[in-house]
Amino acid sequence: MPGHRAPRDTVGPASRVAVPSSASSRRSPGPRSRRPPLPAALRPEAERMADDRAAGLPPAVTAALVAAWAQVVGLVSAEVFGRFDRVVEDRAAFLAHAADRPAHGVGLPAV
């Protein structure tokens, strides 16, 4: 949420997932050319994220990775905290489909 600041002691552990994800995207032969162009207003932040966390990746790829990471974290949180109860009955099929979408968006193969 804009304006929210996570406690400093949680930032390092929470960001560790993003670094291995960027390494996976570097190796991926996926459909990077299908990504929408990076909006001009986002370019400075995407460049900062690339410099801080994903050296060697283009800013647009880094922004896509961070968005995909957030989507997967959201899916996991919804499952762990029961947000799918009485909404999604076939969780395995739904979660496999839902997790494939952000993975595809960063060029990773479906699982």
PDB file of N, CA and C in Angstrom:
ATOM      1  N   MET A   1       0.835  -1.159   0.000  1.00  0.00           N
ATOM      2  CA  MET A   1       0.000   0.000   0.000  1.00  0.00           C
ATOM      3  C   MET A   1       0.888   1.232   0.000  1.00  0.00           C
ATOM      4  N   PRO A   2       0.564   2.173  -0.837  1.00  0.00           N
ATOM      5  CA  PRO A   2       1.368   3.404  -0.854  1.00  0.00           C
ATOM      6  C   PRO A   2       1.415   4.038   0.530  1.00  0.00           C
ATOM      7  N   GLY A   3       2.611   4.396   0.950  1.00  0.00           N
ATOM      8  CA  GLY A   3       2.790   5.026   2.249  1.00  0.00           C
ATOM      9  C   GLY A   3       3.116   4.062   3.377  1.00  0.00           C
ATOM     10  N   HIS A   4       2.819   2.768   3.193  1.00  0.00           N
ATOM     11  CA  HIS A   4       3.127   1.785   4.234  1.00  0.00           C
ATOM     12  C   HIS A   4       4.625   1.508   4.246  1.00  0.00           C
ATOM     13  N   ARG A   5       5.192   1.424   5.403  1.00  0.00           N
ATOM     14  CA  ARG A   5       6.609   1.093   5.556  1.00  0.00           C
ATOM     15  C   ARG A   5       6.715  -0.158   6.416  1.00  0.00           C
ATOM     16  N   ALA A   6       7.270  -1.200   5.849  1.00  0.00           N
ATOM     17  CA  ALA A   6       7.459  -2.440   6.604  1.00  0.00           C
ATOM     18  C   ALA A   6       8.512  -2.215   7.680  1.00  0.00           C
ATOM     19  N   PRO A   7       8.394  -2.923   8.812  1.00  0.00           N
ATOM     20  CA  PRO A   7       9.442  -2.823   9.838  1.00  0.00           C
ATOM     21  C   PRO A   7      10.796  -3.206   9.238  1.00  0.00           C
ATOM     22  N   ARG A   8      11.834  -2.454   9.536  1.00  0.00           N
ATOM     23  CA  ARG A   8      13.166  -2.652   8.941  1.00  0.00           C
ATOM     24  C   ARG A   8      13.676  -4.082   9.116  1.00  0.00           C
ATOM     25  N   ASP A   9      13.375  -4.711  10.243  1.00  0.00           N
ATOM     26  CA  ASP A   9      13.896  -6.062  10.462  1.00  0.00           C
ATOM     27  C   ASP A   9      13.225  -7.109   9.582  1.00  0.00           C
ATOM     28  N   THR A  10      12.139  -6.743   8.883  1.00  0.00           N
ATOM     29  CA  THR A  10      11.475  -7.700   7.992  1.00  0.00           C
ATOM     30  C   THR A  10      11.841  -7.492   6.521  1.00  0.00           C
ATOM     31  N   VAL A  11      12.451  -6.371   6.185  1.00  0.00           N
ATOM     32  CA  VAL A  11      12.727  -6.039   4.786  1.00  0.00           C
ATOM     33  C   VAL A  11      13.752  -6.994   4.163  1.00  0.00           C
ATOM     34  N   GLY A  12      14.856  -7.224   4.822  1.00  0.00           N
ATOM     35  CA  GLY A  12      15.887  -8.113   4.273  1.00  0.00           C
ATOM     36  C   GLY A  12      15.363  -9.511   3.995  1.00  0.00           C
ATOM     37  N   PRO A  13      14.762 -10.170   5.020  1.00  0.00           N
ATOM     38  CA  PRO A  13      14.241 -11.514   4.771  1.00  0.00           C
ATOM     39  C   PRO A  13      13.168 -11.543   3.678  1.00  0.00           C
ATOM     40  N   ALA A  14      12.322 -10.550   3.634  1.00  0.00           N
ATOM     41  CA  ALA A  14      11.251 -10.538   2.637  1.00  0.00           C
ATOM     42  C   ALA A  14      11.773 -10.335   1.226  1.00  0.00           C
ATOM     43  N   SER A  15      12.862  -9.608   1.069  1.00  0.00           N
ATOM     44  CA  SER A  15      13.377  -9.331  -0.273  1.00  0.00           C
ATOM     45  C   SER A  15      14.286 -10.427  -0.805  1.00  0.00           C
ATOM     46  N   ARG A  16      14.652 -11.385   0.032  1.00  0.00           N
ATOM     47  CA  ARG A  16      15.547 -12.456  -0.424  1.00  0.00           C
ATOM     48  C   ARG A  16      14.954 -13.272  -1.554  1.00  0.00           C
ATOM     49  N   VAL A  17      13.639 -13.382  -1.615  1.00  0.00           N
ATOM     50  CA  VAL A  17      12.985 -14.158  -2.669  1.00  0.00           C
ATOM     51  C   VAL A  17      13.171 -13.490  -4.021  1.00  0.00           C
ATOM     52  N   ALA A  18      13.190 -12.172  -4.070  1.00  0.00           N
ATOM     53  CA  ALA A  18      13.283 -11.453  -5.339  1.00  0.00           C
ATOM     54  C   ALA A  18      14.613 -11.675  -6.037  1.00  0.00           C
ATOM     55  N   VAL A  19      15.683 -11.823  -5.309  1.00  0.00           N
ATOM     56  CA  VAL A  19      17.003 -11.980  -5.925  1.00  0.00           C
ATOM     57  C   VAL A  19      17.113 -13.304  -6.679  1.00  0.00           C
ATOM     58  N   PRO A  20      16.751 -14.452  -6.079  1.00  0.00           N
ATOM     59  CA  PRO A  20      16.786 -15.686  -6.871  1.00  0.00           C
ATOM     60  C   PRO A  20      15.819 -15.643  -8.048  1.00  0.00           C
ATOM     61  N   SER A  21      14.680 -14.960  -7.892  1.00  0.00           N
ATOM     62  CA  SER A  21      13.735 -14.853  -8.999  1.00  0.00           C
ATOM     63  C   SER A  21      14.362 -14.137 -10.180  1.00  0.00           C
ATOM     64  N   SER A  22      15.174 -13.110  -9.923  1.00  0.00           N
ATOM     65  CA  SER A  22      15.807 -12.396 -11.021  1.00  0.00           C
ATOM     66  C   SER A  22      16.817 -13.285 -11.728  1.00  0.00           C
ATOM     67  N   ALA A  23      17.488 -14.147 -10.988  1.00  0.00           N
ATOM     68  CA  ALA A  23      18.434 -15.082 -11.613  1.00  0.00           C
ATOM     69  C   ALA A  23      17.695 -16.053 -12.518  1.00  0.00           C
ATOM     70  N   SER A  24      16.530 -16.521 -12.101  1.00  0.00           N
ATOM     71  CA  SER A  24      15.733 -17.421 -12.936  1.00  0.00           C
ATOM     72  C   SER A  24      15.298 -16.725 -14.211  1.00  0.00           C
ATOM     73  N   SER A  25      14.933 -15.466 -14.114  1.00  0.00           N
ATOM     74  CA  SER A  25      14.490 -14.738 -15.293  1.00  0.00           C
ATOM     75  C   SER A  25      15.629 -14.507 -16.273  1.00  0.00           C
ATOM     76  N   ARG A  26      16.847 -14.344 -15.778  1.00  0.00           N
ATOM     77  CA  ARG A  26      18.006 -14.176 -16.664  1.00  0.00           C
ATOM     78  C   ARG A  26      18.219 -15.404 -17.540  1.00  0.00           C
ATOM     79  N   ARG A  27      17.971 -16.588 -16.955  1.00  0.00           N
ATOM     80  CA  ARG A  27      18.183 -17.836 -17.685  1.00  0.00           C
ATOM     81  C   ARG A  27      17.000 -18.199 -18.579  1.00  0.00           C
ATOM     82  N   SER A  28      15.872 -17.577 -18.364  1.00  0.00           N
ATOM     83  CA  SER A  28      14.654 -17.960 -19.068  1.00  0.00           C
ATOM     84  C   SER A  28      14.650 -17.489 -20.514  1.00  0.00           C
ATOM     85  N   PRO A  29      14.273 -18.385 -21.430  1.00  0.00           N
ATOM     86  CA  PRO A  29      14.181 -17.995 -22.836  1.00  0.00           C
ATOM     87  C   PRO A  29      12.808 -17.445 -23.185  1.00  0.00           C
ATOM     88  N   GLY A  30      11.988 -17.140 -22.200  1.00  0.00           N
ATOM     89  CA  GLY A  30      10.575 -16.828 -22.398  1.00  0.00           C
ATOM     90  C   GLY A  30      10.257 -15.586 -23.211  1.00  0.00           C
ATOM     91  N   PRO A  31       8.971 -15.282 -23.266  1.00  0.00           N
ATOM     92  CA  PRO A  31       8.429 -14.264 -24.173  1.00  0.00           C
ATOM     93  C   PRO A  31       8.590 -12.837 -23.688  1.00  0.00           C
ATOM     94  N   ARG A  32       9.806 -12.380 -23.500  1.00  0.00           N
ATOM     95  CA  ARG A  32      10.018 -11.017 -23.001  1.00  0.00           C
ATOM     96  C   ARG A  32       9.481  -9.964 -23.958  1.00  0.00           C
ATOM     97  N   SER A  33       9.499 -10.235 -25.228  1.00  0.00           N
ATOM     98  CA  SER A  33       9.063  -9.220 -26.194  1.00  0.00           C
ATOM     99  C   SER A  33       7.567  -8.964 -26.130  1.00  0.00           C
ATOM    100  N   ARG A  34       6.799  -9.822 -25.458  1.00  0.00           N
ATOM    101  CA  ARG A  34       5.352  -9.645 -25.363  1.00  0.00           C
ATOM    102  C   ARG A  34       4.938  -8.743 -24.215  1.00  0.00           C
ATOM    103  N   ARG A  35       5.875  -8.346 -23.387  1.00  0.00           N
ATOM    104  CA  ARG A  35       5.535  -7.473 -22.270  1.00  0.00           C
ATOM    105  C   ARG A  35       5.113  -6.103 -22.769  1.00  0.00           C
ATOM    106  N   PRO A  36       4.134  -5.499 -22.088  1.00  0.00           N
ATOM    107  CA  PRO A  36       3.783  -4.127 -22.465  1.00  0.00           C
ATOM    108  C   PRO A  36       4.954  -3.193 -22.172  1.00  0.00           C
ATOM    109  N   PRO A  37       5.048  -2.095 -22.898  1.00  0.00           N
ATOM    110  CA  PRO A  37       6.151  -1.160 -22.641  1.00  0.00           C
ATOM    111  C   PRO A  37       6.063  -0.585 -21.231  1.00  0.00           C
ATOM    112  N   LEU A  38       7.208  -0.249 -20.708  1.00  0.00           N
ATOM    113  CA  LEU A  38       7.284   0.331 -19.371  1.00  0.00           C
ATOM    114  C   LEU A  38       6.802   1.777 -19.429  1.00  0.00           C
ATOM    115  N   PRO A  39       5.812   2.145 -18.609  1.00  0.00           N
ATOM    116  CA  PRO A  39       5.349   3.540 -18.612  1.00  0.00           C
ATOM    117  C   PRO A  39       6.484   4.488 -18.200  1.00  0.00           C
ATOM    118  N   ALA A  40       6.536   5.641 -18.813  1.00  0.00           N
ATOM    119  CA  ALA A  40       7.595   6.617 -18.536  1.00  0.00           C
ATOM    120  C   ALA A  40       7.647   6.990 -17.048  1.00  0.00           C
ATOM    121  N   ALA A  41       6.494   7.079 -16.413  1.00  0.00           N
ATOM    122  CA  ALA A  41       6.453   7.453 -14.997  1.00  0.00           C
ATOM    123  C   ALA A  41       7.086   6.384 -14.103  1.00  0.00           C
ATOM    124  N   LEU A  42       7.114   5.145 -14.558  1.00  0.00           N
ATOM    125  CA  LEU A  42       7.675   4.054 -13.769  1.00  0.00           C
ATOM    126  C   LEU A  42       9.163   3.837 -14.045  1.00  0.00           C
ATOM    127  N   ARG A  43       9.670   4.354 -15.149  1.00  0.00           N
ATOM    128  CA  ARG A  43      11.053   4.076 -15.550  1.00  0.00           C
ATOM    129  C   ARG A  43      12.074   4.396 -14.454  1.00  0.00           C
ATOM    130  N   PRO A  44      12.040   5.564 -13.793  1.00  0.00           N
ATOM    131  CA  PRO A  44      13.062   5.820 -12.754  1.00  0.00           C
ATOM    132  C   PRO A  44      13.031   4.786 -11.621  1.00  0.00           C
ATOM    133  N   GLU A  45      11.844   4.397 -11.199  1.00  0.00           N
ATOM    134  CA  GLU A  45      11.744   3.403 -10.121  1.00  0.00           C
ATOM    135  C   GLU A  45      12.200   2.037 -10.608  1.00  0.00           C
ATOM    136  N   ALA A  46      11.851   1.659 -11.824  1.00  0.00           N
ATOM    137  CA  ALA A  46      12.280   0.376 -12.380  1.00  0.00           C
ATOM    138  C   ALA A  46      13.809   0.341 -12.524  1.00  0.00           C
ATOM    139  N   GLU A  47      14.392   1.457 -12.916  1.00  0.00           N
ATOM    140  CA  GLU A  47      15.859   1.523 -13.011  1.00  0.00           C
ATOM    141  C   GLU A  47      16.505   1.371 -11.641  1.00  0.00           C
ATOM    142  N   ARG A  48      15.910   2.001 -10.630  1.00  0.00           N
ATOM    143  CA  ARG A  48      16.436   1.879  -9.271  1.00  0.00           C
ATOM    144  C   ARG A  48      16.334   0.439  -8.785  1.00  0.00           C
ATOM    145  N   MET A  49      15.178  -0.201  -9.025  1.00  0.00           N
ATOM    146  CA  MET A  49      15.009  -1.592  -8.604  1.00  0.00           C
ATOM    147  C   MET A  49      16.024  -2.494  -9.309  1.00  0.00           C
ATOM    148  N   ALA A  50      16.216  -2.276 -10.602  1.00  0.00           N
ATOM    149  CA  ALA A  50      17.186  -3.082 -11.357  1.00  0.00           C
ATOM    150  C   ALA A  50      18.590  -2.885 -10.792  1.00  0.00           C
ATOM    151  N   ASP A  51      18.966  -1.653 -10.517  1.00  0.00           N
ATOM    152  CA  ASP A  51      20.300  -1.373  -9.966  1.00  0.00           C
ATOM    153  C   ASP A  51      20.482  -1.997  -8.584  1.00  0.00           C
ATOM    154  N   ASP A  52      19.444  -1.908  -7.740  1.00  0.00           N
ATOM    155  CA  ASP A  52      19.535  -2.401  -6.354  1.00  0.00           C
ATOM    156  C   ASP A  52      19.441  -3.910  -6.243  1.00  0.00           C
ATOM    157  N   ARG A  53      18.610  -4.539  -7.055  1.00  0.00           N
ATOM    158  CA  ARG A  53      18.278  -5.943  -6.828  1.00  0.00           C
ATOM    159  C   ARG A  53      18.536  -6.884  -7.992  1.00  0.00           C
ATOM    160  N   ALA A  54      18.688  -6.361  -9.195  1.00  0.00           N
ATOM    161  CA  ALA A  54      18.746  -7.254 -10.353  1.00  0.00           C
ATOM    162  C   ALA A  54      19.724  -6.738 -11.396  1.00  0.00           C
ATOM    163  N   ALA A  55      20.958  -6.498 -10.982  1.00  0.00           N
ATOM    164  CA  ALA A  55      21.965  -5.968 -11.898  1.00  0.00           C
ATOM    165  C   ALA A  55      22.031  -6.825 -13.153  1.00  0.00           C
ATOM    166  N   GLY A  56      22.007  -6.164 -14.294  1.00  0.00           N
ATOM    167  CA  GLY A  56      22.084  -6.864 -15.567  1.00  0.00           C
ATOM    168  C   GLY A  56      20.740  -7.111 -16.217  1.00  0.00           C
ATOM    169  N   LEU A  57      19.662  -6.939 -15.474  1.00  0.00           N
ATOM    170  CA  LEU A  57      18.341  -7.093 -16.082  1.00  0.00           C
ATOM    171  C   LEU A  57      17.824  -5.728 -16.522  1.00  0.00           C
ATOM    172  N   PRO A  58      17.127  -5.680 -17.643  1.00  0.00           N
ATOM    173  CA  PRO A  58      16.533  -4.410 -18.053  1.00  0.00           C
ATOM    174  C   PRO A  58      15.482  -3.950 -17.029  1.00  0.00           C
ATOM    175  N   PRO A  59      15.296  -2.652 -16.904  1.00  0.00           N
ATOM    176  CA  PRO A  59      14.301  -2.144 -15.952  1.00  0.00           C
ATOM    177  C   PRO A  59      12.897  -2.712 -16.174  1.00  0.00           C
ATOM    178  N   ALA A  60      12.474  -2.888 -17.415  1.00  0.00           N
ATOM    179  CA  ALA A  60      11.133  -3.422 -17.679  1.00  0.00           C
ATOM    180  C   ALA A  60      11.000  -4.855 -17.169  1.00  0.00           C
ATOM    181  N   VAL A  61      12.046  -5.643 -17.313  1.00  0.00           N
ATOM    182  CA  VAL A  61      12.033  -7.031 -16.826  1.00  0.00           C
ATOM    183  C   VAL A  61      12.004  -7.031 -15.304  1.00  0.00           C
ATOM    184  N   THR A  62      12.774  -6.164 -14.698  1.00  0.00           N
ATOM    185  CA  THR A  62      12.798  -6.076 -13.238  1.00  0.00           C
ATOM    186  C   THR A  62      11.432  -5.692 -12.707  1.00  0.00           C
ATOM    187  N   ALA A  63      10.781  -4.713 -13.312  1.00  0.00           N
ATOM    188  CA  ALA A  63       9.443  -4.308 -12.867  1.00  0.00           C
ATOM    189  C   ALA A  63       8.456  -5.469 -13.015  1.00  0.00           C
ATOM    190  N   ALA A  64       8.553  -6.210 -14.126  1.00  0.00           N
ATOM    191  CA  ALA A  64       7.675  -7.364 -14.328  1.00  0.00           C
ATOM    192  C   ALA A  64       7.929  -8.430 -13.268  1.00  0.00           C
ATOM    193  N   LEU A  65       9.195  -8.654 -12.919  1.00  0.00           N
ATOM    194  CA  LEU A  65       9.534  -9.634 -11.879  1.00  0.00           C
ATOM    195  C   LEU A  65       8.965  -9.237 -10.522  1.00  0.00           C
ATOM    196  N   VAL A  66       9.101  -7.970 -10.166  1.00  0.00           N
ATOM    197  CA  VAL A  66       8.582  -7.517  -8.875  1.00  0.00           C
ATOM    198  C   VAL A  66       7.067  -7.664  -8.843  1.00  0.00           C
ATOM    199  N   ALA A  67       6.390  -7.340  -9.938  1.00  0.00           N
ATOM    200  CA  ALA A  67       4.940  -7.500  -9.999  1.00  0.00           C
ATOM    201  C   ALA A  67       4.550  -8.971  -9.877  1.00  0.00           C
ATOM    202  N   ALA A  68       5.271  -9.851 -10.571  1.00  0.00           N
ATOM    203  CA  ALA A  68       4.972 -11.287 -10.504  1.00  0.00           C
ATOM    204  C   ALA A  68       5.206 -11.818  -9.085  1.00  0.00           C
ATOM    205  N   TRP A  69       6.302 -11.395  -8.478  1.00  0.00           N
ATOM    206  CA  TRP A  69       6.620 -11.791  -7.103  1.00  0.00           C
ATOM    207  C   TRP A  69       5.484 -11.386  -6.165  1.00  0.00           C
ATOM    208  N   ALA A  70       4.997 -10.153  -6.304  1.00  0.00           N
ATOM    209  CA  ALA A  70       3.907  -9.674  -5.452  1.00  0.00           C
ATOM    210  C   ALA A  70       2.632 -10.483  -5.674  1.00  0.00           C
ATOM    211  N   GLN A  71       2.363 -10.864  -6.918  1.00  0.00           N
ATOM    212  CA  GLN A  71       1.173 -11.669  -7.210  1.00  0.00           C
ATOM    213  C   GLN A  71       1.267 -13.037  -6.544  1.00  0.00           C
ATOM    214  N   VAL A  72       2.427 -13.672  -6.623  1.00  0.00           N
ATOM    215  CA  VAL A  72       2.590 -14.988  -6.008  1.00  0.00           C
ATOM    216  C   VAL A  72       2.506 -14.876  -4.482  1.00  0.00           C
ATOM    217  N   VAL A  73       3.127 -13.861  -3.902  1.00  0.00           N
ATOM    218  CA  VAL A  73       3.035 -13.660  -2.456  1.00  0.00           C
ATOM    219  C   VAL A  73       1.573 -13.455  -2.051  1.00  0.00           C
ATOM    220  N   GLY A  74       0.835 -12.717  -2.846  1.00  0.00           N
ATOM    221  CA  GLY A  74      -0.593 -12.516  -2.566  1.00  0.00           C
ATOM    222  C   GLY A  74      -1.380 -13.814  -2.617  1.00  0.00           C
ATOM    223  N   LEU A  75      -1.094 -14.652  -3.600  1.00  0.00           N
ATOM    224  CA  LEU A  75      -1.767 -15.957  -3.692  1.00  0.00           C
ATOM    225  C   LEU A  75      -1.472 -16.818  -2.471  1.00  0.00           C
ATOM    226  N   VAL A  76      -0.200 -16.863  -2.096  1.00  0.00           N
ATOM    227  CA  VAL A  76       0.184 -17.656  -0.935  1.00  0.00           C
ATOM    228  C   VAL A  76      -0.492 -17.111   0.321  1.00  0.00           C
ATOM    229  N   SER A  77      -0.502 -15.813   0.490  1.00  0.00           N
ATOM    230  CA  SER A  77      -1.139 -15.203   1.668  1.00  0.00           C
ATOM    231  C   SER A  77      -2.629 -15.516   1.707  1.00  0.00           C
ATOM    232  N   ALA A  78      -3.292 -15.405   0.564  1.00  0.00           N
ATOM    233  CA  ALA A  78      -4.724 -15.699   0.518  1.00  0.00           C
ATOM    234  C   ALA A  78      -4.997 -17.153   0.899  1.00  0.00           C
ATOM    235  N   GLU A  79      -4.154 -18.065   0.438  1.00  0.00           N
ATOM    236  CA  GLU A  79      -4.324 -19.479   0.780  1.00  0.00           C
ATOM    237  C   GLU A  79      -4.044 -19.712   2.266  1.00  0.00           C
ATOM    238  N   VAL A  80      -2.924 -19.192   2.755  1.00  0.00           N
ATOM    239  CA  VAL A  80      -2.526 -19.422   4.151  1.00  0.00           C
ATOM    240  C   VAL A  80      -3.555 -18.848   5.123  1.00  0.00           C
ATOM    241  N   PHE A  81      -4.106 -17.685   4.812  1.00  0.00           N
ATOM    242  CA  PHE A  81      -5.025 -17.026   5.738  1.00  0.00           C
ATOM    243  C   PHE A  81      -6.490 -17.299   5.437  1.00  0.00           C
ATOM    244  N   GLY A  82      -6.765 -18.321   4.616  1.00  0.00           N
ATOM    245  CA  GLY A  82      -8.142 -18.778   4.425  1.00  0.00           C
ATOM    246  C   GLY A  82      -9.028 -17.887   3.574  1.00  0.00           C
ATOM    247  N   ARG A  83      -8.455 -17.013   2.771  1.00  0.00           N
ATOM    248  CA  ARG A  83      -9.270 -16.110   1.953  1.00  0.00           C
ATOM    249  C   ARG A  83      -9.982 -16.811   0.803  1.00  0.00           C
ATOM    250  N   PHE A  84      -9.541 -18.033   0.470  1.00  0.00           N
ATOM    251  CA  PHE A  84     -10.196 -18.780  -0.592  1.00  0.00           C
ATOM    252  C   PHE A  84     -11.303 -19.690  -0.055  1.00  0.00           C
ATOM    253  N   ASP A  85     -11.438 -19.785   1.271  1.00  0.00           N
ATOM    254  CA  ASP A  85     -12.479 -20.632   1.858  1.00  0.00           C
ATOM    255  C   ASP A  85     -13.847 -20.219   1.337  1.00  0.00           C
ATOM    256  N   ARG A  86     -14.613 -21.208   0.919  1.00  0.00           N
ATOM    257  CA  ARG A  86     -15.963 -21.034   0.378  1.00  0.00           C
ATOM    258  C   ARG A  86     -15.988 -20.190  -0.892  1.00  0.00           C
ATOM    259  N   VAL A  87     -14.829 -19.961  -1.487  1.00  0.00           N
ATOM    260  CA  VAL A  87     -14.745 -19.253  -2.767  1.00  0.00           C
ATOM    261  C   VAL A  87     -14.168 -20.180  -3.825  1.00  0.00           C
ATOM    262  N   VAL A  88     -13.030 -20.805  -3.532  1.00  0.00           N
ATOM    263  CA  VAL A  88     -12.355 -21.699  -4.465  1.00  0.00           C
ATOM    264  C   VAL A  88     -12.358 -23.089  -3.853  1.00  0.00           C
ATOM    265  N   GLU A  89     -13.025 -24.031  -4.513  1.00  0.00           N
ATOM    266  CA  GLU A  89     -13.068 -25.387  -3.974  1.00  0.00           C
ATOM    267  C   GLU A  89     -11.909 -26.243  -4.470  1.00  0.00           C
ATOM    268  N   ASP A  90     -11.572 -26.180  -5.752  1.00  0.00           N
ATOM    269  CA  ASP A  90     -10.449 -26.961  -6.277  1.00  0.00           C
ATOM    270  C   ASP A  90      -9.199 -26.092  -6.212  1.00  0.00           C
ATOM    271  N   ARG A  91      -8.613 -26.028  -5.022  1.00  0.00           N
ATOM    272  CA  ARG A  91      -7.471 -25.142  -4.789  1.00  0.00           C
ATOM    273  C   ARG A  91      -6.270 -25.505  -5.642  1.00  0.00           C
ATOM    274  N   ALA A  92      -5.977 -26.787  -5.780  1.00  0.00           N
ATOM    275  CA  ALA A  92      -4.782 -27.194  -6.531  1.00  0.00           C
ATOM    276  C   ALA A  92      -4.864 -26.690  -7.967  1.00  0.00           C
ATOM    277  N   ALA A  93      -5.984 -26.909  -8.624  1.00  0.00           N
ATOM    278  CA  ALA A  93      -6.134 -26.468 -10.016  1.00  0.00           C
ATOM    279  C   ALA A  93      -6.089 -24.941 -10.107  1.00  0.00           C
ATOM    280  N   PHE A  94      -6.777 -24.273  -9.189  1.00  0.00           N
ATOM    281  CA  PHE A  94      -6.806 -22.809  -9.220  1.00  0.00           C
ATOM    282  C   PHE A  94      -5.426 -22.215  -8.975  1.00  0.00           C
ATOM    283  N   LEU A  95      -4.740 -22.691  -7.945  1.00  0.00           N
ATOM    284  CA  LEU A  95      -3.433 -22.125  -7.617  1.00  0.00           C
ATOM    285  C   LEU A  95      -2.402 -22.412  -8.702  1.00  0.00           C
ATOM    286  N   ALA A  96      -2.464 -23.596  -9.321  1.00  0.00           N
ATOM    287  CA  ALA A  96      -1.538 -23.889 -10.416  1.00  0.00           C
ATOM    288  C   ALA A  96      -1.761 -22.910 -11.567  1.00  0.00           C
ATOM    289  N   HIS A  97      -3.016 -22.681 -11.910  1.00  0.00           N
ATOM    290  CA  HIS A  97      -3.327 -21.727 -12.991  1.00  0.00           C
ATOM    291  C   HIS A  97      -2.923 -20.311 -12.597  1.00  0.00           C
ATOM    292  N   ALA A  98      -3.284 -19.911 -11.400  1.00  0.00           N
ATOM    293  CA  ALA A  98      -3.007 -18.540 -10.962  1.00  0.00           C
ATOM    294  C   ALA A  98      -1.510 -18.271 -10.849  1.00  0.00           C
ATOM    295  N   ALA A  99      -0.721 -19.246 -10.434  1.00  0.00           N
ATOM    296  CA  ALA A  99       0.730 -19.053 -10.316  1.00  0.00           C
ATOM    297  C   ALA A  99       1.423 -19.089 -11.676  1.00  0.00           C
ATOM    298  N   ASP A 100       0.845 -19.813 -12.636  1.00  0.00           N
ATOM    299  CA  ASP A 100       1.436 -19.855 -13.974  1.00  0.00           C
ATOM    300  C   ASP A 100       1.372 -18.506 -14.678  1.00  0.00           C
ATOM    301  N   ARG A 101       0.353 -17.726 -14.407  1.00  0.00           N
ATOM    302  CA  ARG A 101       0.198 -16.452 -15.104  1.00  0.00           C
ATOM    303  C   ARG A 101       1.339 -15.483 -14.828  1.00  0.00           C
ATOM    304  N   PRO A 102       1.693 -15.211 -13.562  1.00  0.00           N
ATOM    305  CA  PRO A 102       2.831 -14.318 -13.345  1.00  0.00           C
ATOM    306  C   PRO A 102       4.148 -14.934 -13.816  1.00  0.00           C
ATOM    307  N   ALA A 103       4.280 -16.249 -13.698  1.00  0.00           N
ATOM    308  CA  ALA A 103       5.505 -16.900 -14.191  1.00  0.00           C
ATOM    309  C   ALA A 103       5.634 -16.705 -15.693  1.00  0.00           C
ATOM    310  N   HIS A 104       4.558 -16.896 -16.411  1.00  0.00           N
ATOM    311  CA  HIS A 104       4.577 -16.698 -17.865  1.00  0.00           C
ATOM    312  C   HIS A 104       4.927 -15.249 -18.213  1.00  0.00           C
ATOM    313  N   GLY A 105       4.430 -14.312 -17.421  1.00  0.00           N
ATOM    314  CA  GLY A 105       4.676 -12.907 -17.660  1.00  0.00           C
ATOM    315  C   GLY A 105       6.147 -12.505 -17.571  1.00  0.00           C
ATOM    316  N   VAL A 106       6.936 -13.300 -16.861  1.00  0.00           N
ATOM    317  CA  VAL A 106       8.374 -13.006 -16.761  1.00  0.00           C
ATOM    318  C   VAL A 106       9.199 -14.000 -17.549  1.00  0.00           C
ATOM    319  N   GLY A 107       8.539 -14.818 -18.358  1.00  0.00           N
ATOM    320  CA  GLY A 107       9.243 -15.712 -19.254  1.00  0.00           C
ATOM    321  C   GLY A 107       9.624 -17.055 -18.689  1.00  0.00           C
ATOM    322  N   LEU A 108       9.043 -17.417 -17.546  1.00  0.00           N
ATOM    323  CA  LEU A 108       9.334 -18.730 -16.964  1.00  0.00           C
ATOM    324  C   LEU A 108       8.336 -19.749 -17.500  1.00  0.00           C
ATOM    325  N   PRO A 109       8.753 -21.006 -17.645  1.00  0.00           N
ATOM    326  CA  PRO A 109       7.835 -22.019 -18.163  1.00  0.00           C
ATOM    327  C   PRO A 109       6.779 -22.400 -17.133  1.00  0.00           C
ATOM    328  N   ALA A 110       5.662 -22.919 -17.615  1.00  0.00           N
ATOM    329  CA  ALA A 110       4.607 -23.404 -16.715  1.00  0.00           C
ATOM    330  C   ALA A 110       5.127 -24.612 -15.965  1.00  0.00           C
ATOM    331  N   VAL A 111       4.605 -24.777 -14.767  1.00  0.00           N
ATOM    332  CA  VAL A 111       5.025 -25.916 -13.937  1.00  0.00           C
ATOM    333  C   VAL A 111       4.075 -27.074 -14.148  1.00  0.00           C
TER     334      VAL A 111
END
